[in-house]
PDB file of N, CA and C in Angstrom:
ATOM      1  N   MET A   1      43.986   3.926  65.139  1.00  0.00           N
ATOM      2  CA  MET A   1      43.226   5.148  64.646  1.00  0.00           C
ATOM      3  C   MET A   1      42.593   4.833  63.323  1.00  0.00           C
ATOM      4  N   ARG A   2      41.607   5.533  63.071  1.00  0.00           N
ATOM      5  CA  ARG A   2      40.972   5.742  61.976  1.00  0.00           C
ATOM      6  C   ARG A   2      40.444   7.201  61.377  1.00  0.00           C
ATOM      7  N   THR A   3      40.476   7.518  60.204  1.00  0.00           N
ATOM      8  CA  THR A   3      39.896   8.908  59.843  1.00  0.00           C
ATOM      9  C   THR A   3      38.988   8.747  58.683  1.00  0.00           C
ATOM     10  N   PHE A   4      37.979   9.377  58.858  1.00  0.00           N
ATOM     11  CA  PHE A   4      36.817   9.528  57.810  1.00  0.00           C
ATOM     12  C   PHE A   4      36.251  10.737  57.620  1.00  0.00           C
ATOM     13  N   SER A   5      35.564  10.829  56.626  1.00  0.00           N
ATOM     14  CA  SER A   5      34.803  12.276  56.398  1.00  0.00           C
ATOM     15  C   SER A   5      33.167  12.029  56.655  1.00  0.00           C
ATOM     16  N   LEU A   6      32.663  12.765  57.506  1.00  0.00           N
ATOM     17  CA  LEU A   6      31.196  12.689  57.696  1.00  0.00           C
ATOM     18  C   LEU A   6      30.418  13.743  57.175  1.00  0.00           C
ATOM     19  N   PRO A   7      29.686  13.553  56.087  1.00  0.00           N
ATOM     20  CA  PRO A   7      28.787  14.617  55.523  1.00  0.00           C
ATOM     21  C   PRO A   7      27.742  15.036  56.553  1.00  0.00           C
ATOM     22  N   ILE A   8      27.422  16.523  56.539  1.00  0.00           N
ATOM     23  CA  ILE A   8      26.731  17.045  57.448  1.00  0.00           C
ATOM     24  C   ILE A   8      25.583  18.004  56.956  1.00  0.00           C
ATOM     25  N   ASP A   9      24.424  17.872  57.124  1.00  0.00           N
ATOM     26  CA  ASP A   9      23.440  18.768  56.595  1.00  0.00           C
ATOM     27  C   ASP A   9      22.996  19.745  57.793  1.00  0.00           C
ATOM     28  N   GLY A  10      22.658  20.906  57.347  1.00  0.00           N
ATOM     29  CA  GLY A  10      22.192  21.957  58.160  1.00  0.00           C
ATOM     30  C   GLY A  10      23.022  22.948  58.562  1.00  0.00           C
ATOM     31  N   MET A  11      24.345  22.980  58.205  1.00  0.00           N
ATOM     32  CA  MET A  11      25.469  23.925  58.513  1.00  0.00           C
ATOM     33  C   MET A  11      25.284  25.175  57.613  1.00  0.00           C
ATOM     34  N   THR A  12      24.980  26.320  58.298  1.00  0.00           N
ATOM     35  CA  THR A  12      24.964  27.527  57.497  1.00  0.00           C
ATOM     36  C   THR A  12      25.835  28.762  57.737  1.00  0.00           C
ATOM     37  N   CYS A  13      26.454  28.440  58.905  1.00  0.00           N
ATOM     38  CA  CYS A  13      27.378  29.631  59.434  1.00  0.00           C
ATOM     39  C   CYS A  13      28.539  29.098  60.173  1.00  0.00           C
ATOM     40  N   GLY A  14      29.432  30.087  60.738  1.00  0.00           N
ATOM     41  CA  GLY A  14      30.486  29.650  61.504  1.00  0.00           C
ATOM     42  C   GLY A  14      29.920  29.084  62.862  1.00  0.00           C
ATOM     43  N   GLY A  15      28.988  29.670  63.438  1.00  0.00           N
ATOM     44  CA  GLY A  15      28.480  29.137  64.732  1.00  0.00           C
ATOM     45  C   GLY A  15      27.912  27.639  64.526  1.00  0.00           C
ATOM     46  N   CYS A  16      27.418  27.322  63.382  1.00  0.00           N
ATOM     47  CA  CYS A  16      27.023  25.751  63.127  1.00  0.00           C
ATOM     48  C   CYS A  16      28.178  25.138  63.124  1.00  0.00           C
ATOM     49  N   ALA A  17      29.391  25.406  62.513  1.00  0.00           N
ATOM     50  CA  ALA A  17      30.433  24.665  62.407  1.00  0.00           C
ATOM     51  C   ALA A  17      30.996  24.609  63.887  1.00  0.00           C
ATOM     52  N   ALA A  18      30.989  25.464  64.537  1.00  0.00           N
ATOM     53  CA  ALA A  18      31.520  25.489  65.936  1.00  0.00           C
ATOM     54  C   ALA A  18      30.657  24.583  66.768  1.00  0.00           C
ATOM     55  N   ALA A  19      29.446  24.539  66.664  1.00  0.00           N
ATOM     56  CA  ALA A  19      28.433  23.558  67.196  1.00  0.00           C
ATOM     57  C   ALA A  19      28.695  22.310  66.913  1.00  0.00           C
ATOM     58  N   VAL A  20      28.764  22.003  65.659  1.00  0.00           N
ATOM     59  CA  VAL A  20      29.206  20.651  65.213  1.00  0.00           C
ATOM     60  C   VAL A  20      30.455  20.193  65.801  1.00  0.00           C
ATOM     61  N   THR A  21      31.487  20.962  65.744  1.00  0.00           N
ATOM     62  CA  THR A  21      32.546  20.543  66.221  1.00  0.00           C
ATOM     63  C   THR A  21      32.636  20.135  67.746  1.00  0.00           C
ATOM     64  N   SER A  22      31.884  21.245  68.471  1.00  0.00           N
ATOM     65  CA  SER A  22      31.752  20.808  69.852  1.00  0.00           C
ATOM     66  C   SER A  22      31.192  19.416  70.110  1.00  0.00           C
ATOM     67  N   ALA A  23      30.031  19.242  69.515  1.00  0.00           N
ATOM     68  CA  ALA A  23      29.264  17.989  69.807  1.00  0.00           C
ATOM     69  C   ALA A  23      30.160  16.794  69.279  1.00  0.00           C
ATOM     70  N   LEU A  24      30.749  16.700  68.206  1.00  0.00           N
ATOM     71  CA  LEU A  24      31.346  15.622  67.823  1.00  0.00           C
ATOM     72  C   LEU A  24      32.543  15.349  68.770  1.00  0.00           C
ATOM     73  N   GLN A  25      33.211  16.411  69.209  1.00  0.00           N
ATOM     74  CA  GLN A  25      34.311  16.209  70.233  1.00  0.00           C
ATOM     75  C   GLN A  25      34.202  15.650  71.376  1.00  0.00           C
ATOM     76  N   LYS A  26      32.730  15.655  71.735  1.00  0.00           N
ATOM     77  CA  LYS A  26      32.307  15.030  73.049  1.00  0.00           C
ATOM     78  C   LYS A  26      31.956  13.589  72.929  1.00  0.00           C
ATOM     79  N   VAL A  27      32.055  13.168  71.673  1.00  0.00           N
ATOM     80  CA  VAL A  27      31.797  11.647  71.494  1.00  0.00           C
ATOM     81  C   VAL A  27      32.942  10.763  71.965  1.00  0.00           C
ATOM     82  N   PRO A  28      32.755   9.706  72.865  1.00  0.00           N
ATOM     83  CA  PRO A  28      33.754   8.964  73.300  1.00  0.00           C
ATOM     84  C   PRO A  28      34.559   8.117  72.182  1.00  0.00           C
ATOM     85  N   GLY A  29      35.961   8.123  72.028  1.00  0.00           N
ATOM     86  CA  GLY A  29      36.663   7.792  70.888  1.00  0.00           C
ATOM     87  C   GLY A  29      37.107   8.623  69.886  1.00  0.00           C
ATOM     88  N   VAL A  30      36.343   9.859  69.945  1.00  0.00           N
ATOM     89  CA  VAL A  30      36.882  10.876  68.913  1.00  0.00           C
ATOM     90  C   VAL A  30      38.018  11.376  69.484  1.00  0.00           C
ATOM     91  N   LEU A  31      39.041  11.575  68.529  1.00  0.00           N
ATOM     92  CA  LEU A  31      40.455  12.233  68.963  1.00  0.00           C
ATOM     93  C   LEU A  31      40.629  13.679  68.232  1.00  0.00           C
ATOM     94  N   ARG A  32      39.980  13.941  67.191  1.00  0.00           N
ATOM     95  CA  ARG A  32      40.205  15.144  66.538  1.00  0.00           C
ATOM     96  C   ARG A  32      39.050  15.382  65.425  1.00  0.00           C
ATOM     97  N   VAL A  33      38.616  16.493  65.422  1.00  0.00           N
ATOM     98  CA  VAL A  33      37.410  16.996  64.346  1.00  0.00           C
ATOM     99  C   VAL A  33      37.769  18.184  63.648  1.00  0.00           C
ATOM    100  N   GLU A  34      37.712  18.144  62.447  1.00  0.00           N
ATOM    101  CA  GLU A  34      37.939  19.316  61.442  1.00  0.00           C
ATOM    102  C   GLU A  34      36.659  19.515  60.681  1.00  0.00           C
ATOM    103  N   VAL A  35      35.951  20.655  60.941  1.00  0.00           N
ATOM    104  CA  VAL A  35      34.749  20.776  60.214  1.00  0.00           C
ATOM    105  C   VAL A  35      34.930  21.796  59.175  1.00  0.00           C
ATOM    106  N   ASN A  36      34.444  21.370  57.784  1.00  0.00           N
ATOM    107  CA  ASN A  36      34.717  22.254  56.571  1.00  0.00           C
ATOM    108  C   ASN A  36      33.281  22.944  56.311  1.00  0.00           C
ATOM    109  N   LEU A  37      32.929  24.064  56.541  1.00  0.00           N
ATOM    110  CA  LEU A  37      31.580  24.656  56.380  1.00  0.00           C
ATOM    111  C   LEU A  37      31.336  24.735  55.150  1.00  0.00           C
ATOM    112  N   ALA A  38      32.231  25.115  54.267  1.00  0.00           N
ATOM    113  CA  ALA A  38      31.917  25.213  52.717  1.00  0.00           C
ATOM    114  C   ALA A  38      31.469  23.958  52.053  1.00  0.00           C
ATOM    115  N   GLU A  39      31.992  22.805  52.327  1.00  0.00           N
ATOM    116  CA  GLU A  39      32.041  21.505  52.013  1.00  0.00           C
ATOM    117  C   GLU A  39      31.077  20.777  52.604  1.00  0.00           C
ATOM    118  N   HIS A  40      30.727  21.269  53.881  1.00  0.00           N
ATOM    119  CA  HIS A  40      29.403  20.530  54.709  1.00  0.00           C
ATOM    120  C   HIS A  40      29.937  19.092  55.042  1.00  0.00           C
ATOM    121  N   HIS A  41      31.031  18.984  55.551  1.00  0.00           N
ATOM    122  CA  HIS A  41      31.517  17.778  56.171  1.00  0.00           C
ATOM    123  C   HIS A  41      32.645  17.930  57.405  1.00  0.00           C
ATOM    124  N   ALA A  42      32.841  16.951  58.235  1.00  0.00           N
ATOM    125  CA  ALA A  42      33.651  16.929  59.331  1.00  0.00           C
ATOM    126  C   ALA A  42      34.610  15.819  58.867  1.00  0.00           C
ATOM    127  N   LEU A  43      35.971  16.160  59.195  1.00  0.00           N
ATOM    128  CA  LEU A  43      36.852  15.158  59.104  1.00  0.00           C
ATOM    129  C   LEU A  43      37.339  14.751  60.343  1.00  0.00           C
ATOM    130  N   ILE A  44      37.002  13.314  60.768  1.00  0.00           N
ATOM    131  CA  ILE A  44      37.123  12.885  61.974  1.00  0.00           C
ATOM    132  C   ILE A  44      38.113  11.716  62.293  1.00  0.00           C
ATOM    133  N   THR A  45      38.929  11.888  63.403  1.00  0.00           N
ATOM    134  CA  THR A  45      39.878  10.922  63.714  1.00  0.00           C
ATOM    135  C   THR A  45      39.622  10.410  64.684  1.00  0.00           C
ATOM    136  N   ALA A  46      39.493   9.044  65.021  1.00  0.00           N
ATOM    137  CA  ALA A  46      39.027   8.247  66.200  1.00  0.00           C
ATOM    138  C   ALA A  46      39.845   7.012  66.368  1.00  0.00           C
ATOM    139  N   ASN A  47      39.685   6.575  67.578  1.00  0.00           N
ATOM    140  CA  ASN A  47      40.294   5.459  68.147  1.00  0.00           C
ATOM    141  C   ASN A  47      39.238   4.221  67.736  1.00  0.00           C
ATOM    142  N   GLU A  48      39.535   3.066  68.037  1.00  0.00           N
ATOM    143  CA  GLU A  48      38.807   1.879  67.693  1.00  0.00           C
ATOM    144  C   GLU A  48      37.706   1.559  68.590  1.00  0.00           C
ATOM    145  N   GLN A  49      37.410   2.427  69.669  1.00  0.00           N
ATOM    146  CA  GLN A  49      36.395   2.451  70.432  1.00  0.00           C
ATOM    147  C   GLN A  49      35.245   3.183  70.071  1.00  0.00           C
ATOM    148  N   LEU A  50      35.327   4.100  68.880  1.00  0.00           N
ATOM    149  CA  LEU A  50      34.310   4.799  68.666  1.00  0.00           C
ATOM    150  C   LEU A  50      32.976   4.025  68.078  1.00  0.00           C
ATOM    151  N   GLN A  51      31.979   4.315  68.674  1.00  0.00           N
ATOM    152  CA  GLN A  51      30.811   3.582  68.133  1.00  0.00           C
ATOM    153  C   GLN A  51      30.176   4.557  66.997  1.00  0.00           C
ATOM    154  N   PRO A  52      30.269   4.267  65.685  1.00  0.00           N
ATOM    155  CA  PRO A  52      29.642   5.252  64.773  1.00  0.00           C
ATOM    156  C   PRO A  52      28.238   5.688  64.942  1.00  0.00           C
ATOM    157  N   HIS A  53      27.352   5.022  65.531  1.00  0.00           N
ATOM    158  CA  HIS A  53      26.023   5.704  65.717  1.00  0.00           C
ATOM    159  C   HIS A  53      26.191   6.778  66.911  1.00  0.00           C
ATOM    160  N   ALA A  54      27.023   6.931  67.608  1.00  0.00           N
ATOM    161  CA  ALA A  54      27.288   7.913  68.482  1.00  0.00           C
ATOM    162  C   ALA A  54      27.413   9.316  67.801  1.00  0.00           C
ATOM    163  N   LEU A  55      27.954   9.178  66.658  1.00  0.00           N
ATOM    164  CA  LEU A  55      28.335  10.355  65.920  1.00  0.00           C
ATOM    165  C   LEU A  55      27.057  11.056  65.372  1.00  0.00           C
ATOM    166  N   ASP A  56      25.966  10.101  64.955  1.00  0.00           N
ATOM    167  CA  ASP A  56      24.748  10.563  64.513  1.00  0.00           C
ATOM    168  C   ASP A  56      23.821  11.169  65.670  1.00  0.00           C
ATOM    169  N   ALA A  57      23.990  10.333  66.822  1.00  0.00           N
ATOM    170  CA  ALA A  57      23.321  11.020  67.980  1.00  0.00           C
ATOM    171  C   ALA A  57      23.790  12.341  68.484  1.00  0.00           C
ATOM    172  N   ALA A  58      25.000  12.550  68.315  1.00  0.00           N
ATOM    173  CA  ALA A  58      25.536  13.730  68.734  1.00  0.00           C
ATOM    174  C   ALA A  58      25.008  14.828  67.711  1.00  0.00           C
ATOM    175  N   LEU A  59      25.104  14.700  66.421  1.00  0.00           N
ATOM    176  CA  LEU A  59      24.754  15.488  65.278  1.00  0.00           C
ATOM    177  C   LEU A  59      23.273  15.882  65.775  1.00  0.00           C
ATOM    178  N   THR A  60      22.390  14.890  65.922  1.00  0.00           N
ATOM    179  CA  THR A  60      20.998  15.266  65.973  1.00  0.00           C
ATOM    180  C   THR A  60      20.691  15.960  67.434  1.00  0.00           C
ATOM    181  N   LYS A  61      21.342  15.602  68.493  1.00  0.00           N
ATOM    182  CA  LYS A  61      21.395  16.473  69.661  1.00  0.00           C
ATOM    183  C   LYS A  61      21.668  17.747  69.366  1.00  0.00           C
ATOM    184  N   ALA A  62      22.743  18.281  68.552  1.00  0.00           N
ATOM    185  CA  ALA A  62      23.234  19.547  68.378  1.00  0.00           C
ATOM    186  C   ALA A  62      22.259  20.162  67.300  1.00  0.00           C
ATOM    187  N   GLY A  63      21.276  19.477  66.645  1.00  0.00           N
ATOM    188  CA  GLY A  63      20.241  20.026  65.740  1.00  0.00           C
ATOM    189  C   GLY A  63      20.629  19.753  64.160  1.00  0.00           C
ATOM    190  N   PHE A  64      21.639  19.019  64.043  1.00  0.00           N
ATOM    191  CA  PHE A  64      22.013  18.574  62.735  1.00  0.00           C
ATOM    192  C   PHE A  64      21.743  17.213  62.374  1.00  0.00           C
ATOM    193  N   ARG A  65      22.185  16.857  61.103  1.00  0.00           N
ATOM    194  CA  ARG A  65      22.140  15.440  60.606  1.00  0.00           C
ATOM    195  C   ARG A  65      23.299  15.092  59.568  1.00  0.00           C
ATOM    196  N   ARG A  66      23.336  13.580  59.493  1.00  0.00           N
ATOM    197  CA  ARG A  66      24.293  13.275  58.487  1.00  0.00           C
ATOM    198  C   ARG A  66      23.698  13.479  57.348  1.00  0.00           C
ATOM    199  N   GLY A  67      24.345  14.057  56.218  1.00  0.00           N
ATOM    200  CA  GLY A  67      24.328  14.308  55.086  1.00  0.00           C
ATOM    201  C   GLY A  67      24.334  13.228  54.207  1.00  0.00           C
ATOM    202  N   PRO A  68      23.914  13.339  52.824  1.00  0.00           N
ATOM    203  CA  PRO A  68      24.093  12.259  51.897  1.00  0.00           C
ATOM    204  C   PRO A  68      25.765  12.015  51.522  1.00  0.00           C
ATOM    205  N   GLU A  69      25.845  10.592  51.406  1.00  0.00           N
ATOM    206  CA  GLU A  69      27.262  10.416  50.936  1.00  0.00           C
ATOM    207  C   GLU A  69      27.439  10.808  49.535  1.00  0.00           C
ATOM    208  N   THR A  70      28.803  11.384  49.347  1.00  0.00           N
ATOM    209  CA  THR A  70      28.931  11.883  47.728  1.00  0.00           C
ATOM    210  C   THR A  70      29.994  10.842  47.098  1.00  0.00           C
ATOM    211  N   ALA A  71      29.899  10.594  45.915  1.00  0.00           N
ATOM    212  CA  ALA A  71      30.820   9.749  45.168  1.00  0.00           C
ATOM    213  C   ALA A  71      32.118  10.314  45.323  1.00  0.00           C
ATOM    214  N   GLN A  72      33.293   9.766  45.454  1.00  0.00           N
ATOM    215  CA  GLN A  72      34.639  10.307  45.301  1.00  0.00           C
ATOM    216  C   GLN A  72      35.097  10.027  43.750  1.00  0.00           C
ATOM    217  N   ALA A  73      35.663  10.961  43.143  1.00  0.00           N
ATOM    218  CA  ALA A  73      36.058  10.945  41.655  1.00  0.00           C
ATOM    219  C   ALA A  73      37.355  10.167  41.665  1.00  0.00           C
TER     220      ALA A  73
END
């Protein structure tokens, strides 16, 4: 298992966060999704079969996109 943070552009409300959660949960290999609307990111737990490009495709299909990576302090 691996866990990572995915920045997301375009989320403006709780409905957006729910749509992102739903879209990402449908990606094969995703085990858990926690979306943080205030910080515009999703914390994803996935198995090794996850194809990272599938996350971007799911976001695009739902009307969102990967946001810019931010530096960790």
